Protein backbone atom coordinates (compact mmCIF):
# COMPACT_ATOMS: atom_id res chain seq x y z
CA MET A 1 -40.52 48.66 147.79
CA ASN A 2 -37.81 46.17 146.82
CA ASN A 3 -39.85 43.24 148.15
CA LYS A 4 -39.34 40.49 145.61
CA PRO A 5 -37.66 37.29 146.85
CA GLU A 6 -34.98 37.50 144.16
CA ASN A 7 -33.89 40.97 145.29
CA PRO A 8 -30.56 40.85 147.15
CA ILE A 9 -29.82 41.18 150.82
CA GLY A 10 -27.68 44.28 151.40
CA ILE A 11 -25.07 44.18 154.16
CA PHE A 12 -22.68 46.91 155.27
CA ASP A 13 -19.94 47.49 157.79
CA SER A 14 -17.09 49.94 158.35
CA GLY A 15 -14.74 47.42 156.77
CA ILE A 16 -14.59 43.67 156.32
CA GLY A 17 -15.58 42.59 159.83
CA GLY A 18 -19.21 42.44 158.70
CA LEU A 19 -18.26 39.61 156.39
CA THR A 20 -18.75 37.35 159.42
CA VAL A 21 -22.41 38.36 159.27
CA ALA A 22 -22.47 37.85 155.49
CA HIS A 23 -20.95 34.40 155.98
CA ALA A 24 -23.57 33.47 158.60
CA ILE A 25 -26.32 34.61 156.22
CA ARG A 26 -24.78 32.62 153.35
CA GLU A 27 -24.60 29.49 155.53
CA LEU A 28 -28.21 29.80 156.70
CA MET A 29 -29.68 31.08 153.41
CA PRO A 30 -27.49 29.73 150.60
CA HIS A 31 -29.92 30.73 147.83
CA GLU A 32 -29.99 34.44 148.62
CA ASN A 33 -28.45 37.07 146.37
CA MET A 34 -26.18 39.38 148.34
CA VAL A 35 -24.55 42.81 148.10
CA TYR A 36 -21.88 43.67 150.66
CA PHE A 37 -20.41 47.14 151.22
CA GLY A 38 -17.35 47.73 153.39
CA ASP A 39 -16.62 51.39 154.11
CA THR A 40 -12.87 50.89 154.27
CA ALA A 41 -12.21 54.57 153.55
CA HIS A 42 -13.64 55.51 156.95
CA LEU A 43 -12.84 52.59 159.24
CA PRO A 44 -12.99 52.09 162.08
CA TYR A 45 -16.42 53.45 163.00
CA GLY A 46 -15.75 52.72 166.67
CA ASP A 47 -13.92 56.00 167.21
CA LYS A 48 -16.03 58.20 164.89
CA SER A 49 -18.71 60.68 165.97
CA GLU A 50 -22.38 59.74 165.76
CA ALA A 51 -22.93 62.39 163.06
CA ALA A 52 -20.11 61.01 160.91
CA ILE A 53 -21.37 57.42 161.20
CA GLN A 54 -24.88 58.55 160.27
CA ALA A 55 -23.59 60.40 157.20
CA TYR A 56 -21.62 57.36 156.02
CA SER A 57 -24.56 55.05 156.67
CA VAL A 58 -26.99 57.13 154.61
CA LYS A 59 -24.54 57.20 151.70
CA ILE A 60 -24.14 53.42 151.85
CA ALA A 61 -27.90 52.89 152.15
CA ASN A 62 -28.32 54.84 148.91
CA VAL A 63 -25.86 52.50 147.18
CA LEU A 64 -27.67 49.39 148.46
CA LEU A 65 -31.08 50.74 147.48
CA GLN A 66 -29.75 51.45 143.99
CA LYS A 67 -28.74 47.78 143.87
CA GLY A 68 -32.36 46.86 144.59
CA CYS A 69 -31.76 45.36 148.05
CA LYS A 70 -34.90 44.07 149.80
CA VAL A 71 -33.28 44.38 153.21
CA ILE A 72 -30.33 46.35 154.60
CA VAL A 73 -28.37 44.66 157.38
CA ILE A 74 -26.24 47.00 159.49
CA ALA A 75 -23.46 44.49 160.20
CA CYS A 76 -21.62 46.79 162.58
CA HIS A 77 -22.36 47.42 166.26
CA SER A 78 -21.14 51.03 166.16
CA ALA A 79 -23.37 51.87 163.18
CA SER A 80 -26.24 49.87 164.68
CA SER A 81 -26.16 52.02 167.81
CA ALA A 82 -25.55 55.34 166.01
CA ALA A 83 -27.54 55.12 162.78
CA TYR A 84 -30.27 52.44 162.96
CA GLU A 85 -33.18 54.72 163.86
CA LEU A 86 -32.11 57.29 161.27
CA LEU A 87 -31.80 54.67 158.51
CA LYS A 88 -35.20 53.19 159.32
CA GLU A 89 -36.75 56.62 158.83
CA TYR A 90 -34.61 57.40 155.77
CA VAL A 91 -35.29 54.14 153.95
CA ARG A 92 -38.94 53.98 155.02
CA HIS A 93 -40.92 51.67 152.72
CA GLU A 94 -38.13 50.95 150.23
CA ALA A 95 -36.46 48.18 152.24
CA LEU A 96 -36.37 46.62 155.68
CA VAL A 97 -33.49 47.72 157.91
CA ILE A 98 -32.16 45.41 160.63
CA ASN A 99 -29.16 45.71 162.90
CA VAL A 100 -26.99 43.32 164.90
CA ILE A 101 -28.05 44.62 168.32
CA ASP A 102 -31.84 44.15 168.51
CA PRO A 103 -31.83 40.44 167.58
CA MET A 104 -29.25 39.82 170.31
CA VAL A 105 -31.27 41.81 172.84
CA ASP A 106 -34.34 39.71 172.03
CA TYR A 107 -32.31 36.49 172.30
CA VAL A 108 -30.81 37.40 175.67
CA ALA A 109 -34.13 38.63 177.04
CA ARG A 110 -35.70 35.26 176.19
CA ASN A 111 -32.86 33.04 177.35
CA PHE A 112 -31.19 34.89 180.24
CA PRO A 113 -33.92 36.78 182.16
CA GLY A 114 -32.37 38.25 185.28
CA GLY A 115 -28.93 37.15 184.14
CA VAL A 116 -25.50 38.76 184.30
CA ILE A 117 -24.30 39.45 180.77
CA GLY A 118 -20.79 40.43 179.76
CA LEU A 119 -20.20 42.56 176.69
CA ILE A 120 -16.99 43.28 174.80
CA GLY A 121 -16.90 45.69 171.89
CA THR A 122 -15.66 49.00 170.51
CA LYS A 123 -15.49 52.15 172.62
CA ARG A 124 -18.55 53.58 170.83
CA THR A 125 -20.67 50.48 171.39
CA VAL A 126 -19.73 50.29 175.07
CA GLN A 127 -20.08 54.04 175.71
CA SER A 128 -23.50 54.11 174.04
CA ASP A 129 -24.84 51.78 176.78
CA VAL A 130 -27.23 50.59 174.09
CA TYR A 131 -27.69 47.06 175.44
CA SER A 132 -28.61 48.19 178.96
CA LYS A 133 -31.07 50.72 177.58
CA LYS A 134 -32.77 48.13 175.39
CA PHE A 135 -32.96 45.57 178.19
CA ARG A 136 -34.71 48.20 180.31
CA GLU A 137 -37.19 48.69 177.46
CA HIS A 138 -37.87 44.94 177.63
CA ASP A 139 -38.42 45.38 181.38
CA LYS A 140 -35.89 42.62 181.97
CA LYS A 141 -33.67 42.82 185.06
CA ILE A 142 -30.53 41.93 183.14
CA SER A 143 -27.22 43.25 184.40
CA VAL A 144 -24.74 44.23 181.66
CA HIS A 145 -21.02 44.36 182.44
CA ALA A 146 -19.44 46.05 179.43
CA LEU A 147 -15.77 46.44 178.57
CA ALA A 148 -14.25 48.29 175.62
CA THR A 149 -11.67 46.07 173.89
CA PRO A 150 -10.18 48.31 171.18
CA LEU A 151 -7.09 46.17 170.48
CA LEU A 152 -9.05 43.10 169.39
CA ALA A 153 -10.32 44.28 166.00
CA PRO A 154 -6.94 45.49 164.65
CA MET A 155 -5.31 42.36 166.10
CA ILE A 156 -7.73 40.18 164.16
CA GLU A 157 -7.36 42.18 160.94
CA GLU A 158 -3.59 41.68 161.14
CA GLY A 159 -4.13 37.94 161.42
CA PHE A 160 -3.09 37.64 165.05
CA PHE A 161 -5.44 35.02 166.42
CA ASN A 162 -5.12 31.41 167.49
CA ASN A 163 -1.61 32.14 168.73
CA GLN A 164 0.17 33.10 171.94
CA ILE A 165 -0.08 36.85 171.27
CA SER A 166 -3.85 36.77 170.81
CA ARG A 167 -4.38 34.51 173.81
CA GLU A 168 -2.45 36.90 176.06
CA ILE A 169 -4.38 39.97 174.84
CA ILE A 170 -7.72 38.15 175.17
CA ALA A 171 -6.84 36.98 178.68
CA GLN A 172 -5.80 40.50 179.68
CA TYR A 173 -9.20 41.85 178.64
CA LEU A 174 -11.38 39.04 179.93
CA SER A 175 -9.70 39.04 183.33
CA ASP A 176 -10.75 42.67 183.85
CA PRO A 177 -12.86 42.97 187.03
CA LEU A 178 -15.43 45.03 185.07
CA LEU A 179 -16.62 41.87 183.33
CA GLY A 180 -16.93 39.89 186.56
CA LYS A 181 -18.28 36.35 186.14
CA PRO A 182 -21.02 36.60 183.50
CA ASP A 183 -23.60 33.97 182.64
CA ALA A 184 -23.00 34.80 178.97
CA LEU A 185 -20.72 37.06 176.95
CA ILE A 186 -21.92 39.08 173.95
CA LEU A 187 -19.37 39.46 171.17
CA GLY A 188 -20.15 43.11 170.50
CA CYS A 189 -18.11 43.46 167.32
CA THR A 190 -18.46 41.54 164.06
CA HIS A 191 -14.72 40.84 164.08
CA TYR A 192 -14.94 38.78 167.24
CA PRO A 193 -16.47 35.55 165.88
CA LEU A 194 -12.97 34.82 164.56
CA ILE A 195 -11.69 34.58 168.15
CA LYS A 196 -14.81 32.93 169.57
CA LYS A 197 -12.96 29.65 170.11
CA GLU A 198 -10.16 31.34 172.07
CA ILE A 199 -12.67 33.21 174.22
CA ASP A 200 -14.55 29.98 174.91
CA GLU A 201 -11.27 28.29 175.88
CA TYR A 202 -10.44 31.12 178.29
CA TYR A 203 -13.72 30.53 180.11
CA GLY A 204 -13.35 26.75 179.94
CA SER A 205 -16.72 26.57 178.16
CA LEU A 206 -18.40 27.68 181.41
CA VAL A 207 -19.72 30.94 179.91
CA LYS A 208 -22.11 30.97 176.95
CA ILE A 209 -20.48 32.92 174.10
CA LEU A 210 -23.10 34.84 172.12
CA ASP A 211 -22.23 35.45 168.46
CA SER A 212 -24.26 38.37 167.09
CA SER A 213 -23.58 37.38 163.47
CA LEU A 214 -25.38 34.04 163.96
CA VAL A 215 -28.24 35.57 165.95
CA ALA A 216 -28.76 38.32 163.35
CA ALA A 217 -28.77 35.78 160.51
CA GLN A 218 -31.36 33.66 162.30
CA SER A 219 -33.55 36.70 162.94
CA LEU A 220 -33.32 37.73 159.29
CA HIS A 221 -34.23 34.21 158.14
CA SER A 222 -37.33 34.22 160.35
CA TYR A 223 -38.44 37.59 158.97
CA LEU A 224 -37.95 36.65 155.31
CA ALA A 225 -39.72 33.33 155.83
CA GLU A 226 -42.66 35.05 157.53
CA LYS A 227 -42.99 37.59 154.69
CA GLY A 228 -42.54 35.01 151.93
CA LEU A 229 -39.34 36.70 150.79
CA LEU A 230 -36.89 33.80 150.93
CA ASN A 231 -35.20 33.25 147.60
CA ASN A 232 -34.71 29.84 145.97
CA SER A 233 -32.23 30.73 143.24
CA PRO A 234 -30.02 27.75 142.30
CA ARG A 235 -27.20 30.14 141.36
CA PRO A 236 -27.27 33.14 143.68
CA GLU A 237 -24.99 36.10 142.98
CA SER A 238 -22.87 37.96 145.50
CA HIS A 239 -21.14 41.30 144.97
CA PHE A 240 -18.64 42.85 147.36
CA TYR A 241 -17.74 46.55 147.34
CA VAL A 242 -15.36 48.69 149.38
CA SER A 243 -15.02 52.47 149.47
CA ASP A 244 -11.21 52.28 149.39
CA TYR A 245 -9.67 49.24 147.73
CA THR A 246 -6.35 47.80 148.80
CA GLU A 247 -4.83 44.43 147.97
CA SER A 248 -4.27 43.74 151.66
CA PHE A 249 -7.99 44.09 152.36
CA GLU A 250 -8.85 41.74 149.54
CA ALA A 251 -6.36 39.22 150.93
CA SER A 252 -7.92 39.53 154.39
CA THR A 253 -11.47 38.87 153.24
CA ARG A 254 -10.88 35.12 153.23
CA LEU A 255 -10.38 35.24 157.01
CA PHE A 256 -13.81 36.78 157.52
CA PHE A 257 -15.87 35.14 154.78
CA GLY A 258 -14.27 31.73 154.72
CA GLU A 259 -13.58 31.76 150.98
CA ASN A 260 -11.95 33.99 148.38
CA VAL A 261 -13.88 37.18 147.66
CA HIS A 262 -13.27 39.69 144.88
CA LEU A 263 -13.66 43.27 146.13
CA GLU A 264 -14.73 46.07 143.79
CA SER A 265 -14.06 49.73 144.51
CA HIS A 266 -17.07 52.02 144.94
CA ARG A 267 -16.28 55.45 146.36
CA LEU A 268 -18.94 57.18 148.45
CA TRP A 269 -17.70 60.66 147.61
CA ASN A 270 -16.11 61.71 144.33
């Protein structure tokens, strides 16, 4: 098993949205080595079949295991709902696998028992009903009001946020009667932290906005600390790979990671 503290944390997503999770991990654990893989050749995962997402995820897991990753973070809600159980079984004792859904479920179950929770995300995440199912497993009477918001991710990737266009699209979605008046709103896509401020402004700070990237990073930190696997390298290394390189994607990474990132191409299929 790749269980040495100096082994990197592996993170993957269908594209660069998962860099919000990578950024949260970097902020909380600045000494950790990191390997990020964005499957840009197959994005978005939100409209792919479960079988396709599972096939991509296994291929990416192989890459991250070859890089010696001690943990694999599925930084994508669609892949978390479609491939988490499969990857846990596939990876077995070689590395820990965590997703961005279970830590949020645990957080909500602890902090909002019996609450009304809104959820916005991709069509796949919403149609999977994964949050409601997991809350039932916790035996928590939590009501989930979920709404698919497919325009938000491409809007963010094109740089349309913190402007009039984004505010109008966000308002159109959040005013949908399906969401009702939630006690808290789960950002069910790793793109959405970039519009967290606008969402909070829409609600007038009266609804708690739940950022899965932060919650997942905190959960990972607790696990690594418990297992004695936190790294203390003074000069950690980070490597970023994509399955289909384009200059536009490299330019967009700054939006998600908060600093310039050099992407390297690594094709999943030859």
